[in-house]
mmCIF file of all heavy atoms, coordinates in Angstrom:
data_MODEL
# 
_entry.id   MODEL 
# 
loop_
_atom_site.group_PDB 
_atom_site.id 
_atom_site.type_symbol 
_atom_site.label_atom_id 
_atom_site.label_alt_id 
_atom_site.label_comp_id 
_atom_site.label_asym_id 
_atom_site.label_entity_id 
_atom_site.label_seq_id 
_atom_site.pdbx_PDB_ins_code 
_atom_site.Cartn_x 
_atom_site.Cartn_y 
_atom_site.Cartn_z 
_atom_site.occupancy 
_atom_site.B_iso_or_equiv 
_atom_site.pdbx_formal_charge 
_atom_site.auth_seq_id 
_atom_site.auth_comp_id 
_atom_site.auth_asym_id 
_atom_site.auth_atom_id 
_atom_site.pdbx_PDB_model_num 
ATOM 1   N N   . ILE A 1 1  ? 12.542  -3.078 10.503 1.00 0.00 ? 1  ILE A N   1 
ATOM 2   C CA  . ILE A 1 1  ? 11.474  -4.085 10.451 1.00 0.00 ? 1  ILE A CA  1 
ATOM 3   C C   . ILE A 1 1  ? 10.132  -3.423 10.146 1.00 0.00 ? 1  ILE A C   1 
ATOM 4   O O   . ILE A 1 1  ? 9.348   -3.905 9.320  1.00 0.00 ? 1  ILE A O   1 
ATOM 5   C CB  . ILE A 1 1  ? 11.405  -4.868 11.774 1.00 0.00 ? 1  ILE A CB  1 
ATOM 6   C CG1 . ILE A 1 1  ? 12.670  -5.724 11.954 1.00 0.00 ? 1  ILE A CG1 1 
ATOM 7   C CG2 . ILE A 1 1  ? 10.153  -5.749 11.817 1.00 0.00 ? 1  ILE A CG2 1 
ATOM 8   C CD1 . ILE A 1 1  ? 12.771  -6.391 13.306 1.00 0.00 ? 1  ILE A CD1 1 
ATOM 9   N N   . ASN A 1 2  ? 9.872   -2.307 10.823 1.00 0.00 ? 2  ASN A N   1 
ATOM 10  C CA  . ASN A 1 2  ? 8.617   -1.590 10.600 1.00 0.00 ? 2  ASN A CA  1 
ATOM 11  C C   . ASN A 1 2  ? 8.484   -1.139 9.150  1.00 0.00 ? 2  ASN A C   1 
ATOM 12  O O   . ASN A 1 2  ? 7.436   -1.321 8.518  1.00 0.00 ? 2  ASN A O   1 
ATOM 13  C CB  . ASN A 1 2  ? 8.554   -0.371 11.528 1.00 0.00 ? 2  ASN A CB  1 
ATOM 14  C CG  . ASN A 1 2  ? 7.391   0.548  11.196 1.00 0.00 ? 2  ASN A CG  1 
ATOM 15  O OD1 . ASN A 1 2  ? 6.243   0.208  11.397 1.00 0.00 ? 2  ASN A OD1 1 
ATOM 16  N ND2 . ASN A 1 2  ? 7.707   1.723  10.663 1.00 0.00 ? 2  ASN A ND2 1 
ATOM 17  N N   . CYS A 1 3  ? 9.557   -0.566 8.601  1.00 0.00 ? 3  CYS A N   1 
ATOM 18  C CA  . CYS A 1 3  ? 9.516   -0.083 7.213  1.00 0.00 ? 3  CYS A CA  1 
ATOM 19  C C   . CYS A 1 3  ? 9.359   -1.234 6.223  1.00 0.00 ? 3  CYS A C   1 
ATOM 20  O O   . CYS A 1 3  ? 8.691   -1.086 5.195  1.00 0.00 ? 3  CYS A O   1 
ATOM 21  C CB  . CYS A 1 3  ? 10.779  0.730  6.901  1.00 0.00 ? 3  CYS A CB  1 
ATOM 22  S SG  . CYS A 1 3  ? 10.802  2.345  7.688  1.00 0.00 ? 3  CYS A SG  1 
ATOM 23  N N   . PHE A 1 4  ? 9.965   -2.373 6.540  1.00 0.00 ? 4  PHE A N   1 
ATOM 24  C CA  . PHE A 1 4  ? 9.810   -3.538 5.660  1.00 0.00 ? 4  PHE A CA  1 
ATOM 25  C C   . PHE A 1 4  ? 8.360   -4.003 5.631  1.00 0.00 ? 4  PHE A C   1 
ATOM 26  O O   . PHE A 1 4  ? 7.800   -4.281 4.559  1.00 0.00 ? 4  PHE A O   1 
ATOM 27  C CB  . PHE A 1 4  ? 10.721  -4.671 6.126  1.00 0.00 ? 4  PHE A CB  1 
ATOM 28  C CG  . PHE A 1 4  ? 10.575  -5.930 5.307  1.00 0.00 ? 4  PHE A CG  1 
ATOM 29  C CD1 . PHE A 1 4  ? 11.127  -6.003 4.038  1.00 0.00 ? 4  PHE A CD1 1 
ATOM 30  C CD2 . PHE A 1 4  ? 9.868   -7.016 5.801  1.00 0.00 ? 4  PHE A CD2 1 
ATOM 31  C CE1 . PHE A 1 4  ? 10.978  -7.154 3.265  1.00 0.00 ? 4  PHE A CE1 1 
ATOM 32  C CE2 . PHE A 1 4  ? 9.721   -8.167 5.042  1.00 0.00 ? 4  PHE A CE2 1 
ATOM 33  C CZ  . PHE A 1 4  ? 10.277  -8.233 3.767  1.00 0.00 ? 4  PHE A CZ  1 
ATOM 34  N N   . ILE A 1 5  ? 7.730   -4.090 6.801  1.00 0.00 ? 5  ILE A N   1 
ATOM 35  C CA  . ILE A 1 5  ? 6.328   -4.500 6.877  1.00 0.00 ? 5  ILE A CA  1 
ATOM 36  C C   . ILE A 1 5  ? 5.440   -3.502 6.144  1.00 0.00 ? 5  ILE A C   1 
ATOM 37  O O   . ILE A 1 5  ? 4.544   -3.879 5.367  1.00 0.00 ? 5  ILE A O   1 
ATOM 38  C CB  . ILE A 1 5  ? 5.883   -4.646 8.344  1.00 0.00 ? 5  ILE A CB  1 
ATOM 39  C CG1 . ILE A 1 5  ? 6.638   -5.798 9.016  1.00 0.00 ? 5  ILE A CG1 1 
ATOM 40  C CG2 . ILE A 1 5  ? 4.372   -4.876 8.438  1.00 0.00 ? 5  ILE A CG2 1 
ATOM 41  C CD1 . ILE A 1 5  ? 6.429   -5.888 10.509 1.00 0.00 ? 5  ILE A CD1 1 
ATOM 42  N N   . MET A 1 6  ? 5.703   -2.198 6.371  1.00 0.00 ? 6  MET A N   1 
ATOM 43  C CA  . MET A 1 6  ? 4.914   -1.160 5.713  1.00 0.00 ? 6  MET A CA  1 
ATOM 44  C C   . MET A 1 6  ? 5.123   -1.177 4.203  1.00 0.00 ? 6  MET A C   1 
ATOM 45  O O   . MET A 1 6  ? 4.204   -0.904 3.428  1.00 0.00 ? 6  MET A O   1 
ATOM 46  C CB  . MET A 1 6  ? 5.296   0.213  6.279  1.00 0.00 ? 6  MET A CB  1 
ATOM 47  C CG  . MET A 1 6  ? 4.995   0.383  7.761  1.00 0.00 ? 6  MET A CG  1 
ATOM 48  S SD  . MET A 1 6  ? 3.237   0.344  8.148  1.00 0.00 ? 6  MET A SD  1 
ATOM 49  C CE  . MET A 1 6  ? 2.711   1.877  7.431  1.00 0.00 ? 6  MET A CE  1 
ATOM 50  N N   . LEU A 1 7  ? 6.322   -1.517 3.794  1.00 0.00 ? 7  LEU A N   1 
ATOM 51  C CA  . LEU A 1 7  ? 6.642   -1.609 2.361  1.00 0.00 ? 7  LEU A CA  1 
ATOM 52  C C   . LEU A 1 7  ? 5.833   -2.733 1.708  1.00 0.00 ? 7  LEU A C   1 
ATOM 53  O O   . LEU A 1 7  ? 5.250   -2.548 0.634  1.00 0.00 ? 7  LEU A O   1 
ATOM 54  C CB  . LEU A 1 7  ? 8.141   -1.856 2.176  1.00 0.00 ? 7  LEU A CB  1 
ATOM 55  C CG  . LEU A 1 7  ? 8.665   -2.083 0.761  1.00 0.00 ? 7  LEU A CG  1 
ATOM 56  C CD1 . LEU A 1 7  ? 8.452   -0.839 -0.089 1.00 0.00 ? 7  LEU A CD1 1 
ATOM 57  C CD2 . LEU A 1 7  ? 10.150  -2.445 0.788  1.00 0.00 ? 7  LEU A CD2 1 
ATOM 58  N N   . VAL A 1 8  ? 5.778   -3.883 2.371  1.00 0.00 ? 8  VAL A N   1 
ATOM 59  C CA  . VAL A 1 8  ? 5.011   -5.023 1.849  1.00 0.00 ? 8  VAL A CA  1 
ATOM 60  C C   . VAL A 1 8  ? 3.525   -4.669 1.764  1.00 0.00 ? 8  VAL A C   1 
ATOM 61  O O   . VAL A 1 8  ? 2.851   -4.955 0.762  1.00 0.00 ? 8  VAL A O   1 
ATOM 62  C CB  . VAL A 1 8  ? 5.213   -6.261 2.739  1.00 0.00 ? 8  VAL A CB  1 
ATOM 63  C CG1 . VAL A 1 8  ? 4.277   -7.389 2.312  1.00 0.00 ? 8  VAL A CG1 1 
ATOM 64  C CG2 . VAL A 1 8  ? 6.668   -6.732 2.666  1.00 0.00 ? 8  VAL A CG2 1 
ATOM 65  N N   . LEU A 1 9  ? 3.005   -4.025 2.799  1.00 0.00 ? 9  LEU A N   1 
ATOM 66  C CA  . LEU A 1 9  ? 1.599   -3.628 2.800  1.00 0.00 ? 9  LEU A CA  1 
ATOM 67  C C   . LEU A 1 9  ? 1.305   -2.619 1.692  1.00 0.00 ? 9  LEU A C   1 
ATOM 68  O O   . LEU A 1 9  ? 0.258   -2.665 1.043  1.00 0.00 ? 9  LEU A O   1 
ATOM 69  C CB  . LEU A 1 9  ? 1.218   -3.031 4.161  1.00 0.00 ? 9  LEU A CB  1 
ATOM 70  C CG  . LEU A 1 9  ? 1.218   -4.004 5.345  1.00 0.00 ? 9  LEU A CG  1 
ATOM 71  C CD1 . LEU A 1 9  ? 0.977   -3.265 6.642  1.00 0.00 ? 9  LEU A CD1 1 
ATOM 72  C CD2 . LEU A 1 9  ? 0.156   -5.082 5.152  1.00 0.00 ? 9  LEU A CD2 1 
ATOM 73  N N   . ALA A 1 10 ? 2.252   -1.700 1.464  1.00 0.00 ? 10 ALA A N   1 
ATOM 74  C CA  . ALA A 1 10 ? 2.071   -0.698 0.405  1.00 0.00 ? 10 ALA A CA  1 
ATOM 75  C C   . ALA A 1 10 ? 2.038   -1.360 -0.962 1.00 0.00 ? 10 ALA A C   1 
ATOM 76  O O   . ALA A 1 10 ? 1.295   -0.928 -1.850 1.00 0.00 ? 10 ALA A O   1 
ATOM 77  C CB  . ALA A 1 10 ? 3.199   0.330  0.469  1.00 0.00 ? 10 ALA A CB  1 
ATOM 78  N N   . LEU A 1 11 ? 2.834   -2.401 -1.138 1.00 0.00 ? 11 LEU A N   1 
ATOM 79  C CA  . LEU A 1 11 ? 2.837   -3.121 -2.421 1.00 0.00 ? 11 LEU A CA  1 
ATOM 80  C C   . LEU A 1 11 ? 1.477   -3.772 -2.676 1.00 0.00 ? 11 LEU A C   1 
ATOM 81  O O   . LEU A 1 11 ? 0.995   -3.811 -3.808 1.00 0.00 ? 11 LEU A O   1 
ATOM 82  C CB  . LEU A 1 11 ? 3.953   -4.174 -2.429 1.00 0.00 ? 11 LEU A CB  1 
ATOM 83  C CG  . LEU A 1 11 ? 5.382   -3.622 -2.502 1.00 0.00 ? 11 LEU A CG  1 
ATOM 84  C CD1 . LEU A 1 11 ? 6.391   -4.740 -2.310 1.00 0.00 ? 11 LEU A CD1 1 
ATOM 85  C CD2 . LEU A 1 11 ? 5.622   -2.921 -3.833 1.00 0.00 ? 11 LEU A CD2 1 
ATOM 86  N N   . PHE A 1 12 ? 0.840   -4.266 -1.616 1.00 0.00 ? 12 PHE A N   1 
ATOM 87  C CA  . PHE A 1 12 ? -0.490  -4.859 -1.763 1.00 0.00 ? 12 PHE A CA  1 
ATOM 88  C C   . PHE A 1 12 ? -1.525  -3.810 -2.158 1.00 0.00 ? 12 PHE A C   1 
ATOM 89  O O   . PHE A 1 12 ? -2.473  -4.110 -2.888 1.00 0.00 ? 12 PHE A O   1 
ATOM 90  C CB  . PHE A 1 12 ? -0.918  -5.550 -0.466 1.00 0.00 ? 12 PHE A CB  1 
ATOM 91  C CG  . PHE A 1 12 ? -0.374  -6.945 -0.318 1.00 0.00 ? 12 PHE A CG  1 
ATOM 92  C CD1 . PHE A 1 12 ? 0.592   -7.239 0.630  1.00 0.00 ? 12 PHE A CD1 1 
ATOM 93  C CD2 . PHE A 1 12 ? -0.843  -7.971 -1.131 1.00 0.00 ? 12 PHE A CD2 1 
ATOM 94  C CE1 . PHE A 1 12 ? 1.103   -8.531 0.762  1.00 0.00 ? 12 PHE A CE1 1 
ATOM 95  C CE2 . PHE A 1 12 ? -0.353  -9.265 -1.006 1.00 0.00 ? 12 PHE A CE2 1 
ATOM 96  C CZ  . PHE A 1 12 ? 0.628   -9.543 -0.060 1.00 0.00 ? 12 PHE A CZ  1 
ATOM 97  N N   . THR A 1 13 ? -1.330  -2.571 -1.686 1.00 0.00 ? 13 THR A N   1 
ATOM 98  C CA  . THR A 1 13 ? -2.309  -1.519 -2.018 1.00 0.00 ? 13 THR A CA  1 
ATOM 99  C C   . THR A 1 13 ? -2.247  -1.135 -3.496 1.00 0.00 ? 13 THR A C   1 
ATOM 100 O O   . THR A 1 13 ? -3.175  -0.483 -3.996 1.00 0.00 ? 13 THR A O   1 
ATOM 101 C CB  . THR A 1 13 ? -2.073  -0.250 -1.171 1.00 0.00 ? 13 THR A CB  1 
ATOM 102 O OG1 . THR A 1 13 ? -0.786  0.311  -1.479 1.00 0.00 ? 13 THR A OG1 1 
ATOM 103 C CG2 . THR A 1 13 ? -2.162  -0.551 0.309  1.00 0.00 ? 13 THR A CG2 1 
ATOM 104 N N   . LEU A 1 14 ? -1.196  -1.530 -4.192 1.00 0.00 ? 14 LEU A N   1 
ATOM 105 C CA  . LEU A 1 14 ? -1.109  -1.257 -5.632 1.00 0.00 ? 14 LEU A CA  1 
ATOM 106 C C   . LEU A 1 14 ? -2.206  -1.989 -6.407 1.00 0.00 ? 14 LEU A C   1 
ATOM 107 O O   . LEU A 1 14 ? -2.502  -1.648 -7.558 1.00 0.00 ? 14 LEU A O   1 
ATOM 108 C CB  . LEU A 1 14 ? 0.270   -1.663 -6.173 1.00 0.00 ? 14 LEU A CB  1 
ATOM 109 C CG  . LEU A 1 14 ? 1.467   -0.831 -5.681 1.00 0.00 ? 14 LEU A CG  1 
ATOM 110 C CD1 . LEU A 1 14 ? 2.772   -1.445 -6.174 1.00 0.00 ? 14 LEU A CD1 1 
ATOM 111 C CD2 . LEU A 1 14 ? 1.361   0.612  -6.164 1.00 0.00 ? 14 LEU A CD2 1 
ATOM 112 N N   . LEU A 1 15 ? -2.806  -2.989 -5.761 1.00 0.00 ? 15 LEU A N   1 
ATOM 113 C CA  . LEU A 1 15 ? -3.899  -3.727 -6.390 1.00 0.00 ? 15 LEU A CA  1 
ATOM 114 C C   . LEU A 1 15 ? -5.195  -2.919 -6.399 1.00 0.00 ? 15 LEU A C   1 
ATOM 115 O O   . LEU A 1 15 ? -6.149  -3.282 -7.096 1.00 0.00 ? 15 LEU A O   1 
ATOM 116 C CB  . LEU A 1 15 ? -4.119  -5.054 -5.661 1.00 0.00 ? 15 LEU A CB  1 
ATOM 117 C CG  . LEU A 1 15 ? -2.932  -6.033 -5.655 1.00 0.00 ? 15 LEU A CG  1 
ATOM 118 C CD1 . LEU A 1 15 ? -3.235  -7.215 -4.738 1.00 0.00 ? 15 LEU A CD1 1 
ATOM 119 C CD2 . LEU A 1 15 ? -2.618  -6.508 -7.066 1.00 0.00 ? 15 LEU A CD2 1 
ATOM 120 N N   . ILE A 1 16 ? -5.252  -1.849 -5.612 1.00 0.00 ? 16 ILE A N   1 
ATOM 121 C CA  . ILE A 1 16 ? -6.448  -0.998 -5.564 1.00 0.00 ? 16 ILE A CA  1 
ATOM 122 C C   . ILE A 1 16 ? -6.410  -0.035 -6.746 1.00 0.00 ? 16 ILE A C   1 
ATOM 123 O O   . ILE A 1 16 ? -5.507  0.799  -6.852 1.00 0.00 ? 16 ILE A O   1 
ATOM 124 C CB  . ILE A 1 16 ? -6.495  -0.204 -4.237 1.00 0.00 ? 16 ILE A CB  1 
ATOM 125 C CG1 . ILE A 1 16 ? -6.485  -1.162 -3.039 1.00 0.00 ? 16 ILE A CG1 1 
ATOM 126 C CG2 . ILE A 1 16 ? -7.730  0.690  -4.201 1.00 0.00 ? 16 ILE A CG2 1 
ATOM 127 C CD1 . ILE A 1 16 ? -6.367  -0.477 -1.698 1.00 0.00 ? 16 ILE A CD1 1 
ATOM 128 N N   . PRO A 1 17 ? -7.367  -0.116 -7.662 1.00 0.00 ? 17 PRO A N   1 
ATOM 129 C CA  . PRO A 1 17 ? -7.304  0.690  -8.889 1.00 0.00 ? 17 PRO A CA  1 
ATOM 130 C C   . PRO A 1 17 ? -7.546  2.179  -8.684 1.00 0.00 ? 17 PRO A C   1 
ATOM 131 O O   . PRO A 1 17 ? -6.969  3.014  -9.372 1.00 0.00 ? 17 PRO A O   1 
ATOM 132 C CB  . PRO A 1 17 ? -8.397  0.075  -9.778 1.00 0.00 ? 17 PRO A CB  1 
ATOM 133 C CG  . PRO A 1 17 ? -9.348  -0.565 -8.824 1.00 0.00 ? 17 PRO A CG  1 
ATOM 134 C CD  . PRO A 1 17 ? -8.522  -1.028 -7.666 1.00 0.00 ? 17 PRO A CD  1 
ATOM 135 N N   . ASN A 1 18 ? -8.399  2.531  -7.721 1.00 0.00 ? 18 ASN A N   1 
ATOM 136 C CA  . ASN A 1 18 ? -8.736  3.935  -7.492 1.00 0.00 ? 18 ASN A CA  1 
ATOM 137 C C   . ASN A 1 18 ? -7.645  4.620  -6.671 1.00 0.00 ? 18 ASN A C   1 
ATOM 138 O O   . ASN A 1 18 ? -7.347  4.204  -5.550 1.00 0.00 ? 18 ASN A O   1 
ATOM 139 C CB  . ASN A 1 18 ? -10.088 4.035  -6.777 1.00 0.00 ? 18 ASN A CB  1 
ATOM 140 C CG  . ASN A 1 18 ? -10.561 5.470  -6.621 1.00 0.00 ? 18 ASN A CG  1 
ATOM 141 O OD1 . ASN A 1 18 ? -10.049 6.205  -5.793 1.00 0.00 ? 18 ASN A OD1 1 
ATOM 142 N ND2 . ASN A 1 18 ? -11.531 5.854  -7.432 1.00 0.00 ? 18 ASN A ND2 1 
ATOM 143 N N   . GLN A 1 19 ? -7.045  5.678  -7.233 1.00 0.00 ? 19 GLN A N   1 
ATOM 144 C CA  . GLN A 1 19 ? -5.918  6.335  -6.568 1.00 0.00 ? 19 GLN A CA  1 
ATOM 145 C C   . GLN A 1 19 ? -6.300  6.924  -5.213 1.00 0.00 ? 19 GLN A C   1 
ATOM 146 O O   . GLN A 1 19 ? -5.561  6.780  -4.236 1.00 0.00 ? 19 GLN A O   1 
ATOM 147 C CB  . GLN A 1 19 ? -5.347  7.444  -7.455 1.00 0.00 ? 19 GLN A CB  1 
ATOM 148 C CG  . GLN A 1 19 ? -4.096  8.091  -6.851 1.00 0.00 ? 19 GLN A CG  1 
ATOM 149 C CD  . GLN A 1 19 ? -3.659  9.344  -7.593 1.00 0.00 ? 19 GLN A CD  1 
ATOM 150 O OE1 . GLN A 1 19 ? -4.492  10.174 -7.976 1.00 0.00 ? 19 GLN A OE1 1 
ATOM 151 N NE2 . GLN A 1 19 ? -2.368  9.496  -7.812 1.00 0.00 ? 19 GLN A NE2 1 
ATOM 152 N N   . LYS A 1 20 ? -7.455  7.595  -5.132 1.00 0.00 ? 20 LYS A N   1 
ATOM 153 C CA  . LYS A 1 20 ? -7.854  8.238  -3.882 1.00 0.00 ? 20 LYS A CA  1 
ATOM 154 C C   . LYS A 1 20 ? -8.059  7.208  -2.776 1.00 0.00 ? 20 LYS A C   1 
ATOM 155 O O   . LYS A 1 20 ? -7.623  7.410  -1.630 1.00 0.00 ? 20 LYS A O   1 
ATOM 156 C CB  . LYS A 1 20 ? -9.125  9.055  -4.091 1.00 0.00 ? 20 LYS A CB  1 
ATOM 157 C CG  . LYS A 1 20 ? -9.482  9.918  -2.885 1.00 0.00 ? 20 LYS A CG  1 
ATOM 158 C CD  . LYS A 1 20 ? -10.627 10.864 -3.193 1.00 0.00 ? 20 LYS A CD  1 
ATOM 159 C CE  . LYS A 1 20 ? -10.909 11.757 -1.990 1.00 0.00 ? 20 LYS A CE  1 
ATOM 160 N NZ  . LYS A 1 20 ? -12.018 12.714 -2.272 1.00 0.00 ? 20 LYS A NZ  1 
ATOM 161 N N   . ILE A 1 21 ? -8.714  6.089  -3.098 1.00 0.00 ? 21 ILE A N   1 
ATOM 162 C CA  . ILE A 1 21 ? -8.922  5.028  -2.109 1.00 0.00 ? 21 ILE A CA  1 
ATOM 163 C C   . ILE A 1 21 ? -7.579  4.423  -1.699 1.00 0.00 ? 21 ILE A C   1 
ATOM 164 O O   . ILE A 1 21 ? -7.329  4.152  -0.519 1.00 0.00 ? 21 ILE A O   1 
ATOM 165 C CB  . ILE A 1 21 ? -9.857  3.934  -2.666 1.00 0.00 ? 21 ILE A CB  1 
ATOM 166 C CG1 . ILE A 1 21 ? -11.247 4.507  -2.921 1.00 0.00 ? 21 ILE A CG1 1 
ATOM 167 C CG2 . ILE A 1 21 ? -9.934  2.749  -1.703 1.00 0.00 ? 21 ILE A CG2 1 
ATOM 168 C CD1 . ILE A 1 21 ? -12.201 3.543  -3.583 1.00 0.00 ? 21 ILE A CD1 1 
ATOM 169 N N   . ARG A 1 22 ? -6.691  4.221  -2.686 1.00 0.00 ? 22 ARG A N   1 
ATOM 170 C CA  . ARG A 1 22 ? -5.366  3.660  -2.400 1.00 0.00 ? 22 ARG A CA  1 
ATOM 171 C C   . ARG A 1 22 ? -4.584  4.560  -1.442 1.00 0.00 ? 22 ARG A C   1 
ATOM 172 O O   . ARG A 1 22 ? -3.956  4.081  -0.494 1.00 0.00 ? 22 ARG A O   1 
ATOM 173 C CB  . ARG A 1 22 ? -4.597  3.484  -3.711 1.00 0.00 ? 22 ARG A CB  1 
ATOM 174 C CG  . ARG A 1 22 ? -3.240  2.817  -3.523 1.00 0.00 ? 22 ARG A CG  1 
ATOM 175 C CD  . ARG A 1 22 ? -2.650  2.350  -4.848 1.00 0.00 ? 22 ARG A CD  1 
ATOM 176 N NE  . ARG A 1 22 ? -2.359  3.451  -5.753 1.00 0.00 ? 22 ARG A NE  1 
ATOM 177 C CZ  . ARG A 1 22 ? -2.995  3.696  -6.880 1.00 0.00 ? 22 ARG A CZ  1 
ATOM 178 N NH1 . ARG A 1 22 ? -3.991  2.907  -7.275 1.00 0.00 ? 22 ARG A NH1 1 
ATOM 179 N NH2 . ARG A 1 22 ? -2.678  4.721  -7.656 1.00 0.00 ? 22 ARG A NH2 1 
ATOM 180 N N   . LEU A 1 23 ? -4.656  5.863  -1.674 1.00 0.00 ? 23 LEU A N   1 
ATOM 181 C CA  . LEU A 1 23 ? -3.950  6.815  -0.809 1.00 0.00 ? 23 LEU A CA  1 
ATOM 182 C C   . LEU A 1 23 ? -4.548  6.839  0.592  1.00 0.00 ? 23 LEU A C   1 
ATOM 183 O O   . LEU A 1 23 ? -3.819  6.950  1.581  1.00 0.00 ? 23 LEU A O   1 
ATOM 184 C CB  . LEU A 1 23 ? -3.990  8.215  -1.424 1.00 0.00 ? 23 LEU A CB  1 
ATOM 185 C CG  . LEU A 1 23 ? -3.195  8.417  -2.720 1.00 0.00 ? 23 LEU A CG  1 
ATOM 186 C CD1 . LEU A 1 23 ? -3.447  9.802  -3.302 1.00 0.00 ? 23 LEU A CD1 1 
ATOM 187 C CD2 . LEU A 1 23 ? -1.699  8.214  -2.485 1.00 0.00 ? 23 LEU A CD2 1 
ATOM 188 N N   . LYS A 1 24 ? -5.862  6.703  0.698  1.00 0.00 ? 24 LYS A N   1 
ATOM 189 C CA  . LYS A 1 24 ? -6.513  6.696  2.009  1.00 0.00 ? 24 LYS A CA  1 
ATOM 190 C C   . LYS A 1 24 ? -6.134  5.449  2.800  1.00 0.00 ? 24 LYS A C   1 
ATOM 191 O O   . LYS A 1 24 ? -5.896  5.510  4.014  1.00 0.00 ? 24 LYS A O   1 
ATOM 192 C CB  . LYS A 1 24 ? -8.035  6.771  1.838  1.00 0.00 ? 24 LYS A CB  1 
ATOM 193 C CG  . LYS A 1 24 ? -8.536  8.164  1.540  1.00 0.00 ? 24 LYS A CG  1 
ATOM 194 C CD  . LYS A 1 24 ? -10.064 8.225  1.561  1.00 0.00 ? 24 LYS A CD  1 
ATOM 195 C CE  . LYS A 1 24 ? -10.550 9.647  1.364  1.00 0.00 ? 24 LYS A CE  1 
ATOM 196 N NZ  . LYS A 1 24 ? -12.031 9.748  1.409  1.00 0.00 ? 24 LYS A NZ  1 
# 
């Protein structure tokens, strides 16, 4: 469950264009 939630959140971070900010 935790990994699924984290996976969904990570997919949303793909909308952040700057790689360094996305990684942070």
